[in-house]
């Protein structure tokens, strides 16, 4: 007798399989990330056709298979038709779905991740305007929340070198703070310069004579092994840092949605996420194209 089970999930990815089927990647509350076949869903009169589309939430009855499970019934409980009507919203949604695919686990409940994705898709769909900065702001907010859920929140409140609080200085137009992706967050440039100076002072004096070439190579390797000067991935001005420091709060979206600092914030979070997940966010190219096409209309 065929074993069946029930699950509630949102479709994150679908690809053609055979002549008329689809292979759907679904994030479910109960079982985490899973793949299942939607039989005949590419036929024009299939009841699974629309239910196997992107970002459709279904209550599913699934039959266990030897290699792939099969969807036998699907009842749609929610969908996001507004996302497909706006290129920016759709690109941002695919971007978030890609991050979810990277961090979701299989065969384990993923209720928090499931709820968070639906929450941010709802917010994107509800955006009243087509302002590119609005899309970037909501996208950045979502990326930050997913990083936090994965335990990968970047440190933006204190300097990763000195441990001192980092307070943006809006009175100095030349004020900047470093952001180091490998180190995990903000780095005061003064502390960074001081560390570099200390490393220079601690370098052993090396002769340039041929007799000490081997000794020179040995010392050089030892110094490289010991140095811990963080790589500065980017530099943030006061506005950009302030946004990052308050990104966990929904109010920041309303307060700064039309600020072009969101462009830098999204780029930083993108690079940070790609570094920690070890994979590129391919959908980010759509965001870049969307922003390039709409930037002139928003400034």
C-alpha atoms as a PDB file:
ATOM      1  CA  UNK A   1       0.000   0.000   0.000  1.00  0.00           C
ATOM      2  CA  UNK A   2       1.305   3.426  -0.960  1.00  0.00           C
ATOM      3  CA  UNK A   3       2.276   5.551   2.014  1.00  0.00           C
ATOM      4  CA  UNK A   4       1.069   9.152   1.970  1.00  0.00           C
ATOM      5  CA  UNK A   5       1.661  12.151   4.183  1.00  0.00           C
ATOM      6  CA  UNK A   6       0.453  15.725   4.474  1.00  0.00           C
ATOM      7  CA  UNK A   7       2.449  18.946   4.455  1.00  0.00           C
ATOM      8  CA  UNK A   8       1.945  22.676   4.014  1.00  0.00           C
ATOM      9  CA  UNK A   9       4.567  24.324   1.851  1.00  0.00           C
ATOM     10  CA  UNK A  10       5.519  27.166  -0.470  1.00  0.00           C
ATOM     11  CA  UNK A  11       6.980  26.497  -3.903  1.00  0.00           C
ATOM     12  CA  UNK A  12      10.482  27.917  -4.327  1.00  0.00           C
ATOM     13  CA  UNK A  13      11.555  26.355  -7.595  1.00  0.00           C
ATOM     14  CA  UNK A  14      10.050  24.330 -10.438  1.00  0.00           C
ATOM     15  CA  UNK A  15      11.579  22.626 -13.443  1.00  0.00           C
ATOM     16  CA  UNK A  16      10.249  20.549 -16.309  1.00  0.00           C
ATOM     17  CA  UNK A  17      10.381  16.793 -15.873  1.00  0.00           C
ATOM     18  CA  UNK A  18       9.538  14.381 -18.649  1.00  0.00           C
ATOM     19  CA  UNK A  19       6.823  15.284 -21.134  1.00  0.00           C
ATOM     20  CA  UNK A  20       4.267  16.873 -18.844  1.00  0.00           C
ATOM     21  CA  UNK A  21       5.476  16.795 -15.222  1.00  0.00           C
ATOM     22  CA  UNK A  22       7.241  19.318 -13.006  1.00  0.00           C
ATOM     23  CA  UNK A  23       9.782  18.734 -10.272  1.00  0.00           C
ATOM     24  CA  UNK A  24       8.929  21.233  -7.537  1.00  0.00           C
ATOM     25  CA  UNK A  25      11.213  22.314  -4.697  1.00  0.00           C
ATOM     26  CA  UNK A  26       9.059  23.158  -1.694  1.00  0.00           C
ATOM     27  CA  UNK A  27       9.752  24.656   1.715  1.00  0.00           C
ATOM     28  CA  UNK A  28       7.380  22.953   4.135  1.00  0.00           C
ATOM     29  CA  UNK A  29       6.602  23.684   7.743  1.00  0.00           C
ATOM     30  CA  UNK A  30       6.721  20.050   8.777  1.00  0.00           C
ATOM     31  CA  UNK A  31       9.590  18.512   6.785  1.00  0.00           C
ATOM     32  CA  UNK A  32      11.744  21.431   5.706  1.00  0.00           C
ATOM     33  CA  UNK A  33      13.052  21.523   2.152  1.00  0.00           C
ATOM     34  CA  UNK A  34      11.804  18.769  -0.143  1.00  0.00           C
ATOM     35  CA  UNK A  35      11.383  17.943  -3.814  1.00  0.00           C
ATOM     36  CA  UNK A  36       8.293  16.296  -5.242  1.00  0.00           C
ATOM     37  CA  UNK A  37       6.875  15.549  -8.682  1.00  0.00           C
ATOM     38  CA  UNK A  38       3.706  17.331  -9.752  1.00  0.00           C
ATOM     39  CA  UNK A  39       2.376  14.781 -12.304  1.00  0.00           C
ATOM     40  CA  UNK A  40       0.888  16.229 -15.468  1.00  0.00           C
ATOM     41  CA  UNK A  41       1.142  19.788 -14.149  1.00  0.00           C
ATOM     42  CA  UNK A  42       2.364  21.126 -17.508  1.00  0.00           C
ATOM     43  CA  UNK A  43      -0.833  20.015 -19.248  1.00  0.00           C
ATOM     44  CA  UNK A  44      -3.212  22.906 -19.898  1.00  0.00           C
ATOM     45  CA  UNK A  45      -6.118  21.281 -18.043  1.00  0.00           C
ATOM     46  CA  UNK A  46      -4.124  20.016 -15.044  1.00  0.00           C
ATOM     47  CA  UNK A  47      -5.435  20.816 -11.564  1.00  0.00           C
ATOM     48  CA  UNK A  48      -1.792  20.986 -10.417  1.00  0.00           C
ATOM     49  CA  UNK A  49      -0.783  23.506 -13.096  1.00  0.00           C
ATOM     50  CA  UNK A  50      -1.283  26.744 -11.184  1.00  0.00           C
ATOM     51  CA  UNK A  51      -0.654  25.063  -7.850  1.00  0.00           C
ATOM     52  CA  UNK A  52       2.906  24.171  -8.872  1.00  0.00           C
ATOM     53  CA  UNK A  53       3.815  27.773  -9.712  1.00  0.00           C
ATOM     54  CA  UNK A  54       6.356  29.937  -7.893  1.00  0.00           C
ATOM     55  CA  UNK A  55       5.418  31.259  -4.427  1.00  0.00           C
ATOM     56  CA  UNK A  56       2.142  29.341  -4.236  1.00  0.00           C
ATOM     57  CA  UNK A  57       1.351  27.995  -0.763  1.00  0.00           C
ATOM     58  CA  UNK A  58      -0.451  24.647  -0.768  1.00  0.00           C
ATOM     59  CA  UNK A  59      -1.761  22.067   1.618  1.00  0.00           C
ATOM     60  CA  UNK A  60      -0.358  18.926   0.065  1.00  0.00           C
ATOM     61  CA  UNK A  61      -1.038  15.216   0.078  1.00  0.00           C
ATOM     62  CA  UNK A  62       2.117  13.470  -1.030  1.00  0.00           C
ATOM     63  CA  UNK A  63       2.785   9.838  -1.885  1.00  0.00           C
ATOM     64  CA  UNK A  64       6.132   8.339  -0.982  1.00  0.00           C
ATOM     65  CA  UNK A  65       8.158   7.113  -3.952  1.00  0.00           C
ATOM     66  CA  UNK A  66      11.312   5.080  -4.380  1.00  0.00           C
ATOM     67  CA  UNK A  67      13.356   8.006  -5.649  1.00  0.00           C
ATOM     68  CA  UNK A  68      10.953  10.961  -5.781  1.00  0.00           C
ATOM     69  CA  UNK A  69       7.731  11.596  -3.910  1.00  0.00           C
ATOM     70  CA  UNK A  70       4.610  12.579  -5.865  1.00  0.00           C
ATOM     71  CA  UNK A  71       2.017  15.237  -5.160  1.00  0.00           C
ATOM     72  CA  UNK A  72      -1.387  13.565  -5.349  1.00  0.00           C
ATOM     73  CA  UNK A  73      -3.497  16.465  -4.091  1.00  0.00           C
ATOM     74  CA  UNK A  74      -2.896  20.187  -3.593  1.00  0.00           C
ATOM     75  CA  UNK A  75      -5.178  22.808  -2.113  1.00  0.00           C
ATOM     76  CA  UNK A  76      -3.953  26.393  -2.479  1.00  0.00           C
ATOM     77  CA  UNK A  77      -4.188  28.436   0.713  1.00  0.00           C
ATOM     78  CA  UNK A  78      -2.228  31.494  -0.374  1.00  0.00           C
ATOM     79  CA  UNK A  79      -0.486  32.961  -3.410  1.00  0.00           C
ATOM     80  CA  UNK A  80       1.300  36.190  -4.306  1.00  0.00           C
ATOM     81  CA  UNK A  81       0.007  37.279  -7.728  1.00  0.00           C
ATOM     82  CA  UNK A  82       1.203  40.848  -7.181  1.00  0.00           C
ATOM     83  CA  UNK A  83       4.851  39.785  -7.290  1.00  0.00           C
ATOM     84  CA  UNK A  84       4.678  38.707 -10.937  1.00  0.00           C
ATOM     85  CA  UNK A  85       3.182  42.065 -11.948  1.00  0.00           C
ATOM     86  CA  UNK A  86       6.293  44.051 -10.992  1.00  0.00           C
ATOM     87  CA  UNK A  87       9.806  43.135 -12.122  1.00  0.00           C
ATOM     88  CA  UNK A  88      11.466  44.599  -9.039  1.00  0.00           C
ATOM     89  CA  UNK A  89       9.206  42.763  -6.609  1.00  0.00           C
ATOM     90  CA  UNK A  90       9.618  39.504  -8.532  1.00  0.00           C
ATOM     91  CA  UNK A  91      13.416  39.826  -8.648  1.00  0.00           C
ATOM     92  CA  UNK A  92      13.574  40.582  -4.917  1.00  0.00           C
ATOM     93  CA  UNK A  93      11.318  37.608  -4.155  1.00  0.00           C
ATOM     94  CA  UNK A  94      13.477  35.246  -6.194  1.00  0.00           C
ATOM     95  CA  UNK A  95      16.555  36.637  -4.438  1.00  0.00           C
ATOM     96  CA  UNK A  96      15.040  35.854  -1.015  1.00  0.00           C
ATOM     97  CA  UNK A  97      13.905  32.414  -2.184  1.00  0.00           C
ATOM     98  CA  UNK A  98      17.455  31.641  -3.284  1.00  0.00           C
ATOM     99  CA  UNK A  99      18.790  32.502   0.174  1.00  0.00           C
ATOM    100  CA  UNK A 100      16.135  30.258   1.721  1.00  0.00           C
ATOM    101  CA  UNK A 101      17.200  27.414  -0.564  1.00  0.00           C
ATOM    102  CA  UNK A 102      20.767  27.797   0.692  1.00  0.00           C
ATOM    103  CA  UNK A 103      19.913  27.716   4.375  1.00  0.00           C
ATOM    104  CA  UNK A 104      16.878  25.445   4.610  1.00  0.00           C
ATOM    105  CA  UNK A 105      17.329  21.933   5.987  1.00  0.00           C
ATOM    106  CA  UNK A 106      15.649  18.770   4.745  1.00  0.00           C
ATOM    107  CA  UNK A 107      13.698  16.293   6.864  1.00  0.00           C
ATOM    108  CA  UNK A 108      13.445  18.777   9.712  1.00  0.00           C
ATOM    109  CA  UNK A 109      10.666  21.215  10.625  1.00  0.00           C
ATOM    110  CA  UNK A 110      11.386  24.703   9.275  1.00  0.00           C
ATOM    111  CA  UNK A 111       8.461  26.673  10.640  1.00  0.00           C
ATOM    112  CA  UNK A 112      10.416  29.851  11.474  1.00  0.00           C
ATOM    113  CA  UNK A 113      11.999  29.992   8.039  1.00  0.00           C
ATOM    114  CA  UNK A 114       8.661  29.250   6.389  1.00  0.00           C
ATOM    115  CA  UNK A 115       6.880  32.013   8.315  1.00  0.00           C
ATOM    116  CA  UNK A 116       9.674  34.520   7.719  1.00  0.00           C
ATOM    117  CA  UNK A 117       9.653  33.965   3.970  1.00  0.00           C
ATOM    118  CA  UNK A 118       5.883  34.402   3.771  1.00  0.00           C
ATOM    119  CA  UNK A 119       6.119  37.537   5.890  1.00  0.00           C
ATOM    120  CA  UNK A 120       8.630  39.198   3.577  1.00  0.00           C
ATOM    121  CA  UNK A 121       6.837  38.110   0.401  1.00  0.00           C
ATOM    122  CA  UNK A 122       3.675  39.699   1.786  1.00  0.00           C
ATOM    123  CA  UNK A 123       5.535  42.925   2.514  1.00  0.00           C
ATOM    124  CA  UNK A 124       7.024  43.050  -0.977  1.00  0.00           C
ATOM    125  CA  UNK A 125       3.686  42.390  -2.622  1.00  0.00           C
ATOM    126  CA  UNK A 126       2.043  45.126  -0.554  1.00  0.00           C
ATOM    127  CA  UNK A 127       4.496  47.827  -1.661  1.00  0.00           C
ATOM    128  CA  UNK A 128       2.363  50.649  -3.081  1.00  0.00           C
ATOM    129  CA  UNK A 129       5.040  52.261  -5.221  1.00  0.00           C
ATOM    130  CA  UNK A 130       7.484  51.123  -7.850  1.00  0.00           C
ATOM    131  CA  UNK A 131      10.354  53.098  -6.380  1.00  0.00           C
ATOM    132  CA  UNK A 132      13.588  51.124  -6.807  1.00  0.00           C
ATOM    133  CA  UNK A 133      14.877  52.179  -3.391  1.00  0.00           C
ATOM    134  CA  UNK A 134      11.695  50.840  -1.762  1.00  0.00           C
ATOM    135  CA  UNK A 135      12.403  47.430  -3.272  1.00  0.00           C
ATOM    136  CA  UNK A 136      16.049  47.551  -2.172  1.00  0.00           C
ATOM    137  CA  UNK A 137      15.044  48.569   1.339  1.00  0.00           C
ATOM    138  CA  UNK A 138      12.589  45.692   1.731  1.00  0.00           C
ATOM    139  CA  UNK A 139      15.025  43.253   0.140  1.00  0.00           C
ATOM    140  CA  UNK A 140      17.830  44.301   2.500  1.00  0.00           C
ATOM    141  CA  UNK A 141      15.494  44.008   5.457  1.00  0.00           C
ATOM    142  CA  UNK A 142      14.633  40.458   4.407  1.00  0.00           C
ATOM    143  CA  UNK A 143      18.236  39.391   3.810  1.00  0.00           C
ATOM    144  CA  UNK A 144      19.222  40.699   7.245  1.00  0.00           C
ATOM    145  CA  UNK A 145      16.418  38.719   8.908  1.00  0.00           C
ATOM    146  CA  UNK A 146      17.388  35.495   7.123  1.00  0.00           C
ATOM    147  CA  UNK A 147      21.021  35.962   8.135  1.00  0.00           C
ATOM    148  CA  UNK A 148      19.920  36.492  11.727  1.00  0.00           C
ATOM    149  CA  UNK A 149      17.802  33.337  11.664  1.00  0.00           C
ATOM    150  CA  UNK A 150      20.819  31.396  10.377  1.00  0.00           C
ATOM    151  CA  UNK A 151      22.981  32.789  13.204  1.00  0.00           C
ATOM    152  CA  UNK A 152      25.043  34.850  10.769  1.00  0.00           C
ATOM    153  CA  UNK A 153      24.128  38.389  11.815  1.00  0.00           C
ATOM    154  CA  UNK A 154      26.988  40.767  10.947  1.00  0.00           C
ATOM    155  CA  UNK A 155      28.435  42.736  13.867  1.00  0.00           C
ATOM    156  CA  UNK A 156      27.562  46.384  13.214  1.00  0.00           C
ATOM    157  CA  UNK A 157      27.288  47.798  16.728  1.00  0.00           C
ATOM    158  CA  UNK A 158      30.904  47.464  17.840  1.00  0.00           C
ATOM    159  CA  UNK A 159      34.325  47.344  16.190  1.00  0.00           C
ATOM    160  CA  UNK A 160      35.453  43.770  15.584  1.00  0.00           C
ATOM    161  CA  UNK A 161      39.041  44.781  16.465  1.00  0.00           C
ATOM    162  CA  UNK A 162      38.700  46.988  19.535  1.00  0.00           C
ATOM    163  CA  UNK A 163      35.282  45.942  20.846  1.00  0.00           C
ATOM    164  CA  UNK A 164      34.278  49.604  21.182  1.00  0.00           C
ATOM    165  CA  UNK A 165      30.872  50.882  20.156  1.00  0.00           C
ATOM    166  CA  UNK A 166      30.725  52.335  16.657  1.00  0.00           C
ATOM    167  CA  UNK A 167      28.650  55.509  16.527  1.00  0.00           C
ATOM    168  CA  UNK A 168      28.082  57.148  13.132  1.00  0.00           C
ATOM    169  CA  UNK A 169      29.207  60.781  12.981  1.00  0.00           C
ATOM    170  CA  UNK A 170      26.752  62.725  10.819  1.00  0.00           C
ATOM    171  CA  UNK A 171      28.597  66.010  11.437  1.00  0.00           C
ATOM    172  CA  UNK A 172      31.688  64.889   9.499  1.00  0.00           C
ATOM    173  CA  UNK A 173      31.022  64.307   5.786  1.00  0.00           C
ATOM    174  CA  UNK A 174      34.305  62.392   5.528  1.00  0.00           C
ATOM    175  CA  UNK A 175      33.536  59.994   8.385  1.00  0.00           C
ATOM    176  CA  UNK A 176      33.741  56.317   7.436  1.00  0.00           C
ATOM    177  CA  UNK A 177      33.979  52.929   9.089  1.00  0.00           C
ATOM    178  CA  UNK A 178      35.328  49.757   7.513  1.00  0.00           C
ATOM    179  CA  UNK A 179      33.330  46.579   6.963  1.00  0.00           C
ATOM    180  CA  UNK A 180      35.239  43.308   6.852  1.00  0.00           C
ATOM    181  CA  UNK A 181      33.321  40.304   5.549  1.00  0.00           C
ATOM    182  CA  UNK A 182      35.869  37.668   6.716  1.00  0.00           C
ATOM    183  CA  UNK A 183      36.070  39.299  10.159  1.00  0.00           C
ATOM    184  CA  UNK A 184      32.293  39.471  10.454  1.00  0.00           C
ATOM    185  CA  UNK A 185      31.404  43.145  10.623  1.00  0.00           C
ATOM    186  CA  UNK A 186      32.494  46.705  11.256  1.00  0.00           C
ATOM    187  CA  UNK A 187      36.104  47.698  11.795  1.00  0.00           C
ATOM    188  CA  UNK A 188      37.157  51.160  13.025  1.00  0.00           C
ATOM    189  CA  UNK A 189      39.622  52.488  10.504  1.00  0.00           C
ATOM    190  CA  UNK A 190      41.751  54.049  13.270  1.00  0.00           C
ATOM    191  CA  UNK A 191      42.060  50.663  15.026  1.00  0.00           C
ATOM    192  CA  UNK A 192      42.792  49.030  11.664  1.00  0.00           C
ATOM    193  CA  UNK A 193      45.553  51.531  10.858  1.00  0.00           C
ATOM    194  CA  UNK A 194      47.005  51.104  14.347  1.00  0.00           C
ATOM    195  CA  UNK A 195      47.122  47.319  13.896  1.00  0.00           C
ATOM    196  CA  UNK A 196      48.877  47.705  10.553  1.00  0.00           C
ATOM    197  CA  UNK A 197      51.426  50.037  12.127  1.00  0.00           C
ATOM    198  CA  UNK A 198      52.081  47.583  14.953  1.00  0.00           C
ATOM    199  CA  UNK A 199      52.565  44.761  12.473  1.00  0.00           C
ATOM    200  CA  UNK A 200      55.106  46.849  10.545  1.00  0.00           C
ATOM    201  CA  UNK A 201      57.034  47.621  13.723  1.00  0.00           C
ATOM    202  CA  UNK A 202      57.105  43.951  14.680  1.00  0.00           C
ATOM    203  CA  UNK A 203      58.574  42.867  11.343  1.00  0.00           C
ATOM    204  CA  UNK A 204      62.125  41.520  11.892  1.00  0.00           C
ATOM    205  CA  UNK A 205      64.964  43.370  10.205  1.00  0.00           C
ATOM    206  CA  UNK A 206      66.071  41.364   7.187  1.00  0.00           C
ATOM    207  CA  UNK A 207      69.296  41.743   5.279  1.00  0.00           C
ATOM    208  CA  UNK A 208      69.192  41.853   1.505  1.00  0.00           C
ATOM    209  CA  UNK A 209      72.488  39.984   1.113  1.00  0.00           C
ATOM    210  CA  UNK A 210      72.450  36.688  -0.846  1.00  0.00           C
ATOM    211  CA  UNK A 211      73.674  34.836   2.240  1.00  0.00           C
ATOM    212  CA  UNK A 212      70.389  35.488   4.041  1.00  0.00           C
ATOM    213  CA  UNK A 213      67.938  34.649   1.256  1.00  0.00           C
ATOM    214  CA  UNK A 214      66.789  31.419   2.944  1.00  0.00           C
ATOM    215  CA  UNK A 215      66.494  33.180   6.305  1.00  0.00           C
ATOM    216  CA  UNK A 216      64.512  35.981   4.650  1.00  0.00           C
ATOM    217  CA  UNK A 217      62.068  33.537   3.071  1.00  0.00           C
ATOM    218  CA  UNK A 218      61.617  31.730   6.370  1.00  0.00           C
ATOM    219  CA  UNK A 219      60.945  34.967   8.289  1.00  0.00           C
ATOM    220  CA  UNK A 220      58.541  36.163   5.638  1.00  0.00           C
ATOM    221  CA  UNK A 221      56.493  32.983   5.832  1.00  0.00           C
ATOM    222  CA  UNK A 222      56.390  33.182   9.613  1.00  0.00           C
ATOM    223  CA  UNK A 223      55.168  36.803   9.559  1.00  0.00           C
ATOM    224  CA  UNK A 224      52.446  36.053   7.007  1.00  0.00           C
ATOM    225  CA  UNK A 225      51.259  33.160   9.126  1.00  0.00           C
ATOM    226  CA  UNK A 226      50.981  35.342  12.230  1.00  0.00           C
ATOM    227  CA  UNK A 227      49.464  38.492  10.817  1.00  0.00           C
ATOM    228  CA  UNK A 228      45.772  39.035  11.430  1.00  0.00           C
ATOM    229  CA  UNK A 229      45.065  42.298   9.656  1.00  0.00           C
ATOM    230  CA  UNK A 230      41.450  42.052   8.469  1.00  0.00           C
ATOM    231  CA  UNK A 231      40.598  42.733   4.853  1.00  0.00           C
ATOM    232  CA  UNK A 232      38.391  45.802   4.517  1.00  0.00           C
ATOM    233  CA  UNK A 233      35.691  44.743   2.068  1.00  0.00           C
ATOM    234  CA  UNK A 234      34.043  48.178   1.884  1.00  0.00           C
ATOM    235  CA  UNK A 235      33.757  51.502   3.681  1.00  0.00           C
ATOM    236  CA  UNK A 236      30.494  52.828   5.056  1.00  0.00           C
ATOM    237  CA  UNK A 237      29.475  56.418   5.623  1.00  0.00           C
ATOM    238  CA  UNK A 238      27.363  57.479   8.606  1.00  0.00           C
ATOM    239  CA  UNK A 239      24.015  56.954   6.865  1.00  0.00           C
ATOM    240  CA  UNK A 240      24.894  53.495   5.576  1.00  0.00           C
ATOM    241  CA  UNK A 241      26.093  52.354   9.000  1.00  0.00           C
ATOM    242  CA  UNK A 242      23.011  53.780  10.716  1.00  0.00           C
ATOM    243  CA  UNK A 243      20.772  51.777   8.371  1.00  0.00           C
ATOM    244  CA  UNK A 244      22.693  48.571   9.088  1.00  0.00           C
ATOM    245  CA  UNK A 245      22.534  49.204  12.838  1.00  0.00           C
ATOM    246  CA  UNK A 246      18.740  49.567  12.758  1.00  0.00           C
ATOM    247  CA  UNK A 247      17.960  47.004  10.060  1.00  0.00           C
ATOM    248  CA  UNK A 248      16.263  44.624  12.490  1.00  0.00           C
ATOM    249  CA  UNK A 249      13.586  47.260  13.096  1.00  0.00           C
ATOM    250  CA  UNK A 250      10.744  47.585  10.533  1.00  0.00           C
ATOM    251  CA  UNK A 251      10.606  51.352  11.116  1.00  0.00           C
ATOM    252  CA  UNK A 252      13.878  51.830   9.253  1.00  0.00           C
ATOM    253  CA  UNK A 253      12.078  50.943   6.016  1.00  0.00           C
ATOM    254  CA  UNK A 254       9.651  53.852   6.328  1.00  0.00           C
ATOM    255  CA  UNK A 255      12.293  56.269   7.576  1.00  0.00           C
ATOM    256  CA  UNK A 256      14.875  55.716   4.853  1.00  0.00           C
ATOM    257  CA  UNK A 257      13.223  53.889   1.968  1.00  0.00           C
ATOM    258  CA  UNK A 258      14.107  56.569  -0.582  1.00  0.00           C
ATOM    259  CA  UNK A 259      17.715  56.942   0.493  1.00  0.00           C
ATOM    260  CA  UNK A 260      20.317  55.854  -2.055  1.00  0.00           C
ATOM    261  CA  UNK A 261      22.391  54.430   0.805  1.00  0.00           C
ATOM    262  CA  UNK A 262      20.246  51.308   0.387  1.00  0.00           C
ATOM    263  CA  UNK A 263      22.237  50.464  -2.730  1.00  0.00           C
ATOM    264  CA  UNK A 264      25.435  50.097  -0.690  1.00  0.00           C
ATOM    265  CA  UNK A 265      23.627  48.295   2.138  1.00  0.00           C
ATOM    266  CA  UNK A 266      22.213  45.663  -0.231  1.00  0.00           C
ATOM    267  CA  UNK A 267      25.618  45.149  -1.885  1.00  0.00           C
ATOM    268  CA  UNK A 268      27.269  44.613   1.505  1.00  0.00           C
ATOM    269  CA  UNK A 269      24.628  42.149   2.682  1.00  0.00           C
ATOM    270  CA  UNK A 270      24.783  40.323  -0.657  1.00  0.00           C
ATOM    271  CA  UNK A 271      28.548  39.863  -0.463  1.00  0.00           C
ATOM    272  CA  UNK A 272      28.314  38.873   3.193  1.00  0.00           C
ATOM    273  CA  UNK A 273      25.620  36.265   2.480  1.00  0.00           C
ATOM    274  CA  UNK A 274      27.491  34.835  -0.502  1.00  0.00           C
ATOM    275  CA  UNK A 275      30.658  34.531   1.568  1.00  0.00           C
ATOM    276  CA  UNK A 276      28.950  32.648   4.403  1.00  0.00           C
ATOM    277  CA  UNK A 277      26.746  30.428   2.255  1.00  0.00           C
ATOM    278  CA  UNK A 278      29.633  29.763  -0.105  1.00  0.00           C
ATOM    279  CA  UNK A 279      27.432  30.200  -3.181  1.00  0.00           C
ATOM    280  CA  UNK A 280      26.526  33.082  -5.498  1.00  0.00           C
ATOM    281  CA  UNK A 281      23.079  34.643  -5.407  1.00  0.00           C
ATOM    282  CA  UNK A 282      22.226  34.376  -9.087  1.00  0.00           C
ATOM    283  CA  UNK A 283      18.965  36.294  -8.791  1.00  0.00           C
ATOM    284  CA  UNK A 284      20.957  39.350  -7.690  1.00  0.00           C
ATOM    285  CA  UNK A 285      21.713  40.014 -11.368  1.00  0.00           C
ATOM    286  CA  UNK A 286      17.996  40.718 -11.873  1.00  0.00           C
ATOM    287  CA  UNK A 287      18.068  43.257  -9.051  1.00  0.00           C
ATOM    288  CA  UNK A 288      21.078  44.963 -10.609  1.00  0.00           C
ATOM    289  CA  UNK A 289      19.302  45.190 -13.971  1.00  0.00           C
ATOM    290  CA  UNK A 290      16.105  46.444 -12.370  1.00  0.00           C
ATOM    291  CA  UNK A 291      17.885  49.103 -10.361  1.00  0.00           C
ATOM    292  CA  UNK A 292      19.957  50.263 -13.348  1.00  0.00           C
ATOM    293  CA  UNK A 293      16.790  50.631 -15.433  1.00  0.00           C
ATOM    294  CA  UNK A 294      14.855  52.485 -12.707  1.00  0.00           C
ATOM    295  CA  UNK A 295      17.556  54.506 -10.944  1.00  0.00           C
ATOM    296  CA  UNK A 296      17.187  57.635 -13.048  1.00  0.00           C
ATOM    297  CA  UNK A 297      13.502  57.810 -12.251  1.00  0.00           C
ATOM    298  CA  UNK A 298      14.076  57.630  -8.510  1.00  0.00           C
ATOM    299  CA  UNK A 299      16.743  60.307  -8.030  1.00  0.00           C
END
